[in-house]
Amino acid sequence: MNDRDAEISAFLETAGWRGASVTLLAKDASYRVYHRVTRDGARAVLMDAPPALEDVRPFLDIAAQLRRFGYSAPAILAEDVPAGLLLLEDFGDRTFTRILADPSEREWDEEALYSLAVDLLADLHARAPEIGFSAPPYDGNRLVEEADRMLRWFAPLVLGDLVSSDVAEAYRAAWRAAVPVMTDGPDTLVLRDFHVDNLMILPGREGLARCGLLDFQDALSGNPAYDLVSLLQDARRDLASGLETAMLARYRSRRNVADWNAFLRAYHALGAQRAIKILGQFGRQQGFFERTSYMVHIPRCWAHIETNVARADLGPVADWLDREMPSAFRRIPDPDRRLPASVSPEIKR
């Protein structure tokens, strides 16, 4: 037993789960690892977030706010914040992703799942500012830094070298010019990883509480269009034809958006920003950790970027991409490409 195993064992004993079985449940793209803990028929989820690399306090904070709003965030059964260990309510295994992949599923089809998620977003976006919420700002500096991840972690894998400082600054200037579009309108609580992998169907609950919420620790205060586009333009899957348009109409019918055209422009601008950030995140996984499984999604990300940049009329971004990363470089990197030691894998928080 290594030191971390001993720490986890002591935590579970203190929490009343001595002798429980611990099995790996999931790893995400961060440093967090999730385990399922079982004992005498009872189940819980252990979040292992190494404190030198992750901070569990934002998860605790946002979970409490979501439950205060009446949504289904996991209850906290035990916590050791300095050790980076949380014991959470176990929501089971019925993620939207697994339901969508199950040919025997009869109760929930794609439209029903996305309708539930859109209804929850419309409710959250309307009520959070009225009730009051707390989260760091999703401001221009953060939006540009996220877009910059493509430049640092993806572009070198396909270009074969780091971009020059003047080319990098032109890229950042193009995204700074897009900030007024991306931040137009009143702010709300933005969960930031709102997509089918992080949404669950919870039996025995009614209304919006049927939708279990996961992976919201990076929530910020920002434009409500961000979570909507992250749901409806998923980097990992294609929606049925016409579903995105139908869900946008559903969202509009449930919210009083003062200027729908401005909202749609922000939706597409943030869709471009999110997809280009994801390119960087996928490049980071390959470039530092030799994880290439994400790369199959690169063509979809580029399709989202190209469509959204045009629809949001982000001229400077389009011009930079056409000049510095034309179509020949909008591809899956060779699997043996790695990032140089001079590039840092650090994700700025």
Protein backbone atom coordinates (compact mmCIF):
# COMPACT_ATOMS: atom_id res chain seq x y z
CA MET A 1 0.00 0.00 0.00
CA ASN A 2 1.46 3.37 -1.02
CA ASP A 3 1.01 6.60 0.92
CA ARG A 4 -2.05 7.70 -1.08
CA ASP A 5 -3.74 4.33 -0.63
CA ALA A 6 -3.14 4.57 3.10
CA GLU A 7 -4.58 8.10 3.14
CA ILE A 8 -7.69 6.94 1.29
CA SER A 9 -8.10 3.95 3.62
CA ALA A 10 -7.90 6.20 6.68
CA PHE A 11 -10.40 8.64 5.13
CA LEU A 12 -12.91 5.89 4.41
CA GLU A 13 -12.55 4.47 7.91
CA THR A 14 -13.16 7.89 9.45
CA ALA A 15 -16.19 8.32 7.18
CA GLY A 16 -17.66 5.02 8.41
CA TRP A 17 -16.75 2.92 5.37
CA ARG A 18 -14.09 0.72 6.90
CA GLY A 19 -13.55 -2.47 4.91
CA ALA A 20 -15.40 -1.16 1.87
CA SER A 21 -14.52 -2.38 -1.61
CA VAL A 22 -12.94 0.33 -3.79
CA THR A 23 -12.95 -0.07 -7.58
CA LEU A 24 -11.92 2.39 -10.30
CA LEU A 25 -14.92 4.15 -11.77
CA ALA A 26 -13.53 6.85 -14.06
CA LYS A 27 -10.66 9.18 -14.84
CA ASP A 28 -11.19 12.52 -16.52
CA ALA A 29 -8.85 14.80 -18.45
CA SER A 30 -7.72 16.45 -15.21
CA TYR A 31 -5.82 14.83 -12.35
CA ARG A 32 -9.00 13.67 -10.59
CA VAL A 33 -9.78 9.96 -10.27
CA TYR A 34 -13.16 8.54 -9.25
CA HIS A 35 -13.74 5.22 -7.48
CA ARG A 36 -16.92 3.38 -6.57
CA VAL A 37 -17.03 2.42 -2.90
CA THR A 38 -19.34 -0.44 -1.86
CA ARG A 39 -20.10 -2.08 1.46
CA ASP A 40 -23.06 -4.22 2.56
CA GLY A 41 -25.10 -3.13 -0.46
CA ALA A 42 -24.46 0.59 0.06
CA ARG A 43 -22.59 2.59 -2.58
CA ALA A 44 -20.77 5.91 -2.77
CA VAL A 45 -18.28 7.61 -5.09
CA LEU A 46 -14.81 8.58 -3.91
CA MET A 47 -13.25 11.62 -5.60
CA ASP A 48 -9.46 11.48 -5.36
CA ALA A 49 -8.09 14.92 -6.25
CA PRO A 50 -4.38 15.21 -5.36
CA PRO A 51 -4.20 18.50 -3.45
CA ALA A 52 -0.98 19.63 -5.12
CA LEU A 53 -2.76 19.46 -8.49
CA GLU A 54 -6.49 19.91 -7.80
CA ASP A 55 -8.65 21.87 -5.34
CA VAL A 56 -11.93 20.28 -4.20
CA ARG A 57 -13.31 23.47 -2.67
CA PRO A 58 -14.87 24.80 -5.90
CA PHE A 59 -16.70 21.48 -6.32
CA LEU A 60 -18.09 21.73 -2.78
CA ASP A 61 -19.12 25.35 -3.34
CA ILE A 62 -20.89 24.85 -6.67
CA ALA A 63 -22.54 21.60 -5.53
CA ALA A 64 -24.06 23.45 -2.56
CA GLN A 65 -25.34 26.23 -4.83
CA LEU A 66 -26.88 23.80 -7.31
CA ARG A 67 -28.65 21.88 -4.55
CA ARG A 68 -29.90 25.19 -3.14
CA PHE A 69 -31.47 25.88 -6.54
CA GLY A 70 -33.20 22.49 -6.37
CA TYR A 71 -31.02 20.64 -8.89
CA SER A 72 -29.46 17.20 -8.49
CA ALA A 73 -25.80 17.68 -7.64
CA PRO A 74 -24.30 14.81 -5.61
CA ALA A 75 -24.69 15.09 -1.85
CA ILE A 76 -21.41 15.26 0.07
CA LEU A 77 -21.19 12.28 2.43
CA ALA A 78 -17.72 13.04 3.83
CA GLU A 79 -14.84 15.37 3.03
CA ASP A 80 -11.17 15.89 3.77
CA VAL A 81 -10.34 19.09 1.93
CA PRO A 82 -6.60 19.25 2.79
CA ALA A 83 -6.18 15.67 1.51
CA GLY A 84 -8.27 16.27 -1.61
CA LEU A 85 -10.73 13.49 -0.83
CA LEU A 86 -14.52 13.61 -1.09
CA LEU A 87 -17.12 10.89 -0.63
CA LEU A 88 -20.12 11.60 -2.83
CA GLU A 89 -23.62 10.33 -3.41
CA ASP A 90 -23.52 7.65 -6.11
CA PHE A 91 -25.84 8.57 -8.99
CA GLY A 92 -25.40 5.18 -10.67
CA ASP A 93 -24.39 4.53 -14.25
CA ARG A 94 -27.15 6.00 -16.41
CA THR A 95 -25.29 8.84 -18.06
CA PHE A 96 -26.93 10.39 -21.10
CA THR A 97 -24.02 8.99 -23.14
CA ARG A 98 -24.72 5.40 -22.06
CA ILE A 99 -28.45 5.75 -22.58
CA LEU A 100 -27.88 7.10 -26.10
CA ALA A 101 -25.65 4.11 -26.90
CA ASP A 102 -28.09 1.51 -25.53
CA PRO A 103 -30.24 0.01 -28.32
CA SER A 104 -32.58 -1.50 -25.74
CA GLU A 105 -33.43 1.89 -24.19
CA ARG A 106 -37.12 2.66 -24.59
CA GLU A 107 -37.87 5.35 -22.02
CA TRP A 108 -35.42 8.07 -23.08
CA ASP A 109 -34.63 8.90 -26.68
CA GLU A 110 -32.23 11.58 -27.89
CA GLU A 111 -34.85 14.33 -28.13
CA ALA A 112 -36.19 13.61 -24.64
CA LEU A 113 -32.71 13.70 -23.07
CA TYR A 114 -31.72 16.93 -24.76
CA SER A 115 -35.10 18.49 -23.93
CA LEU A 116 -34.57 17.78 -20.24
CA ALA A 117 -31.07 19.27 -20.36
CA VAL A 118 -32.23 22.38 -22.25
CA ASP A 119 -35.11 22.89 -19.82
CA LEU A 120 -32.68 22.72 -16.90
CA LEU A 121 -30.38 25.29 -18.54
CA ALA A 122 -33.26 27.66 -19.27
CA ASP A 123 -34.38 27.37 -15.65
CA LEU A 124 -30.86 27.83 -14.26
CA HIS A 125 -30.10 30.80 -16.48
CA ALA A 126 -33.30 32.56 -15.46
CA ARG A 127 -33.26 31.75 -11.75
CA ALA A 128 -29.61 31.91 -10.75
CA PRO A 129 -29.35 35.71 -11.13
CA GLU A 130 -32.67 36.14 -9.32
CA ILE A 131 -31.77 33.86 -6.40
CA GLY A 132 -28.13 34.89 -6.30
CA PHE A 133 -25.01 32.88 -7.05
CA SER A 134 -21.28 33.15 -6.60
CA ALA A 135 -18.56 32.17 -9.09
CA PRO A 136 -15.43 33.75 -10.55
CA PRO A 137 -15.95 35.81 -13.72
CA TYR A 138 -15.75 34.27 -17.17
CA ASP A 139 -14.15 37.43 -18.50
CA GLY A 140 -12.19 38.35 -21.59
CA ASN A 141 -8.82 37.42 -20.14
CA ARG A 142 -9.98 33.89 -19.38
CA LEU A 143 -11.74 33.46 -22.72
CA VAL A 144 -8.62 34.51 -24.63
CA GLU A 145 -6.35 32.34 -22.46
CA GLU A 146 -8.54 29.31 -23.21
CA ALA A 147 -8.45 30.00 -26.95
CA ASP A 148 -4.67 30.32 -26.65
CA ARG A 149 -4.45 26.64 -25.63
CA MET A 150 -4.89 25.66 -29.26
CA LEU A 151 -1.87 27.75 -30.14
CA ARG A 152 0.27 26.20 -27.41
CA TRP A 153 -0.81 22.56 -27.45
CA PHE A 154 -2.42 21.71 -30.79
CA ALA A 155 -0.85 23.92 -33.46
CA PRO A 156 2.73 22.65 -32.92
CA LEU A 157 1.56 19.06 -33.45
CA VAL A 158 0.38 19.82 -37.00
CA LEU A 159 2.66 22.73 -37.93
CA GLY A 160 5.79 20.93 -36.76
CA ASP A 161 7.02 23.88 -34.71
CA LEU A 162 5.93 26.55 -32.26
CA VAL A 163 4.41 29.64 -33.81
CA SER A 164 6.43 32.83 -33.67
CA SER A 165 5.69 35.49 -31.06
CA ASP A 166 4.26 37.96 -33.58
CA VAL A 167 1.97 35.33 -35.10
CA ALA A 168 0.85 34.30 -31.59
CA GLU A 169 0.11 37.90 -30.65
CA ALA A 170 -1.95 38.38 -33.82
CA TYR A 171 -3.98 35.31 -32.82
CA ARG A 172 -4.63 36.66 -29.34
CA ALA A 173 -5.56 40.06 -30.73
CA ALA A 174 -8.12 38.39 -33.00
CA TRP A 175 -9.72 36.69 -30.02
CA ARG A 176 -9.61 39.88 -27.93
CA ALA A 177 -11.61 41.53 -30.70
CA ALA A 178 -14.24 38.79 -30.24
CA VAL A 179 -14.61 39.31 -26.48
CA PRO A 180 -17.45 41.89 -26.71
CA VAL A 181 -19.48 39.38 -28.73
CA MET A 182 -18.78 36.51 -26.31
CA THR A 183 -19.63 38.55 -23.21
CA ASP A 184 -22.67 40.39 -24.54
CA GLY A 185 -25.65 40.21 -22.18
CA PRO A 186 -26.31 39.50 -18.49
CA ASP A 187 -24.23 36.87 -16.71
CA THR A 188 -25.47 33.69 -15.08
CA LEU A 189 -23.93 30.56 -13.54
CA VAL A 190 -22.04 28.72 -16.29
CA LEU A 191 -21.17 25.09 -15.49
CA ARG A 192 -18.73 24.88 -18.47
CA ASP A 193 -18.70 21.09 -18.99
CA PHE A 194 -22.41 20.70 -19.63
CA HIS A 195 -22.69 17.81 -22.09
CA VAL A 196 -24.02 14.26 -22.24
CA ASP A 197 -21.00 12.66 -20.53
CA ASN A 198 -21.71 14.71 -17.39
CA LEU A 199 -25.51 14.39 -17.28
CA MET A 200 -27.42 11.47 -15.76
CA ILE A 201 -30.96 10.19 -15.48
CA LEU A 202 -31.90 9.61 -11.84
CA PRO A 203 -34.82 7.24 -11.23
CA GLY A 204 -37.32 8.17 -8.59
CA ARG A 205 -36.94 11.93 -9.02
CA GLU A 206 -39.33 14.33 -10.70
CA GLY A 207 -39.03 17.30 -13.02
CA LEU A 208 -35.62 18.86 -13.52
CA ALA A 209 -34.28 16.88 -10.55
CA ARG A 210 -34.30 13.81 -12.81
CA CYS A 211 -31.18 15.27 -14.42
CA GLY A 212 -28.09 14.48 -12.35
CA LEU A 213 -25.19 16.94 -12.72
CA LEU A 214 -21.49 16.04 -12.67
CA ASP A 215 -18.14 17.76 -13.28
CA PHE A 216 -19.15 21.33 -12.50
CA GLN A 217 -16.21 22.37 -10.31
CA ASP A 218 -14.94 24.84 -12.92
CA ALA A 219 -18.20 26.84 -12.98
CA LEU A 220 -17.95 30.57 -13.63
CA SER A 221 -20.16 33.63 -13.97
CA GLY A 222 -20.61 34.30 -17.67
CA ASN A 223 -22.75 34.23 -20.79
CA PRO A 224 -25.60 31.66 -20.66
CA ALA A 225 -24.98 30.77 -24.30
CA TYR A 226 -21.79 28.93 -23.32
CA ASP A 227 -23.45 25.94 -21.64
CA LEU A 228 -26.08 25.76 -24.35
CA VAL A 229 -23.51 25.51 -27.14
CA SER A 230 -21.42 23.02 -25.15
CA LEU A 231 -24.51 20.79 -24.98
CA LEU A 232 -25.72 21.22 -28.56
CA GLN A 233 -22.31 21.23 -30.29
CA ASP A 234 -20.69 18.31 -28.54
CA ALA A 235 -17.06 17.68 -29.45
CA ARG A 236 -17.58 13.91 -29.05
CA ARG A 237 -20.83 13.21 -30.89
CA ASP A 238 -23.08 14.44 -33.68
CA LEU A 239 -26.68 15.31 -32.92
CA ALA A 240 -29.55 14.10 -35.09
CA SER A 241 -30.27 16.38 -38.02
CA GLY A 242 -32.38 19.36 -36.97
CA LEU A 243 -32.06 18.70 -33.23
CA GLU A 244 -29.78 21.67 -32.52
CA THR A 245 -32.24 24.04 -34.21
CA ALA A 246 -35.19 22.49 -32.36
CA MET A 247 -33.43 22.76 -28.99
CA LEU A 248 -32.48 26.39 -29.60
CA ALA A 249 -36.15 27.09 -30.28
CA ARG A 250 -37.11 25.20 -27.12
CA TYR A 251 -34.65 27.23 -25.05
CA ARG A 252 -35.94 30.49 -26.51
CA SER A 253 -39.53 29.53 -25.69
CA ARG A 254 -38.58 29.00 -22.04
CA ARG A 255 -36.52 32.15 -21.52
CA ASN A 256 -37.20 35.83 -22.04
CA VAL A 257 -34.07 36.74 -24.01
CA ALA A 258 -34.08 40.45 -24.75
CA ASP A 259 -32.12 40.27 -28.03
CA TRP A 260 -32.23 36.78 -29.55
CA ASN A 261 -30.01 37.71 -32.51
CA ALA A 262 -27.29 38.96 -30.16
CA PHE A 263 -27.70 35.79 -28.09
CA LEU A 264 -27.28 33.64 -31.20
CA ARG A 265 -24.16 35.54 -32.23
CA ALA A 266 -22.70 34.98 -28.75
CA TYR A 267 -23.73 31.32 -29.00
CA HIS A 268 -21.73 30.86 -32.19
CA ALA A 269 -18.76 32.92 -31.00
CA LEU A 270 -18.56 30.89 -27.80
CA GLY A 271 -19.02 27.72 -29.83
CA ALA A 272 -15.94 28.65 -31.85
CA GLN A 273 -13.99 29.54 -28.71
CA ARG A 274 -14.96 26.32 -26.95
CA ALA A 275 -14.14 24.10 -29.93
CA ILE A 276 -10.76 25.75 -30.44
CA LYS A 277 -10.02 25.39 -26.73
CA ILE A 278 -10.90 21.68 -26.97
CA LEU A 279 -8.39 21.30 -29.80
CA GLY A 280 -5.81 22.56 -27.34
CA GLN A 281 -7.00 20.21 -24.62
CA PHE A 282 -6.84 17.22 -26.96
CA GLY A 283 -3.39 18.32 -28.15
CA ARG A 284 -2.26 18.52 -24.53
CA GLN A 285 -3.36 14.93 -23.94
CA GLN A 286 -1.33 13.67 -26.90
CA GLY A 287 1.58 16.07 -26.66
CA PHE A 288 2.40 15.44 -23.00
CA PHE A 289 0.68 12.19 -21.99
CA GLU A 290 0.66 10.17 -25.25
CA ARG A 291 -3.15 9.84 -25.10
CA THR A 292 -4.36 9.82 -28.70
CA SER A 293 -7.90 8.47 -28.25
CA TYR A 294 -9.36 12.00 -28.27
CA MET A 295 -7.95 12.76 -31.71
CA VAL A 296 -10.76 11.02 -33.56
CA HIS A 297 -12.90 14.07 -32.67
CA ILE A 298 -10.60 16.65 -34.29
CA PRO A 299 -12.55 16.84 -37.61
CA ARG A 300 -15.78 17.54 -35.71
CA CYS A 301 -14.09 20.30 -33.71
CA TRP A 302 -12.83 21.96 -36.88
CA ALA A 303 -16.30 21.74 -38.44
CA HIS A 304 -17.73 23.52 -35.40
CA ILE A 305 -15.01 26.16 -35.52
CA GLU A 306 -15.49 26.93 -39.20
CA THR A 307 -19.29 27.11 -38.96
CA ASN A 308 -19.33 29.20 -35.81
CA VAL A 309 -16.63 31.67 -36.86
CA ALA A 310 -18.66 32.40 -40.01
CA ARG A 311 -22.03 32.66 -38.24
CA ALA A 312 -20.66 34.89 -35.48
CA ASP A 313 -18.85 37.03 -38.08
CA LEU A 314 -15.50 36.79 -36.31
CA GLY A 315 -13.51 38.27 -39.20
CA PRO A 316 -10.11 38.63 -37.49
CA VAL A 317 -10.24 35.03 -36.21
CA ALA A 318 -11.23 33.73 -39.65
CA ASP A 319 -8.44 35.72 -41.30
CA TRP A 320 -5.80 34.39 -38.88
CA LEU A 321 -6.93 30.78 -39.33
CA ASP A 322 -6.99 31.07 -43.12
CA ARG A 323 -3.53 32.61 -43.11
CA GLU A 324 -1.72 30.56 -40.46
CA MET A 325 -3.69 27.29 -40.29
CA PRO A 326 -5.29 26.66 -43.67
CA SER A 327 -7.19 23.47 -44.44
CA ALA A 328 -4.05 21.31 -44.82
CA PHE A 329 -3.34 21.79 -41.10
CA ARG A 330 -6.89 21.25 -39.88
CA ARG A 331 -6.33 17.56 -39.37
CA ILE A 332 -5.54 14.85 -36.86
CA PRO A 333 -1.87 15.10 -35.84
CA ASP A 334 0.44 12.19 -36.52
CA PRO A 335 0.17 9.94 -33.43
CA ASP A 336 3.90 10.08 -32.66
CA ARG A 337 4.01 13.89 -32.45
CA ARG A 338 4.88 15.29 -29.01
CA LEU A 339 5.22 18.79 -27.60
CA PRO A 340 8.70 20.15 -26.81
CA ALA A 341 9.95 20.39 -23.24
CA SER A 342 9.86 24.19 -23.48
CA VAL A 343 6.04 24.10 -23.52
CA SER A 344 4.31 23.87 -20.14
CA PRO A 345 1.35 21.52 -19.57
CA GLU A 346 0.01 23.79 -16.84
CA ILE A 347 -3.66 24.77 -17.12
CA LYS A 348 -4.21 28.24 -15.73
CA ARG A 349 -7.09 28.42 -13.29
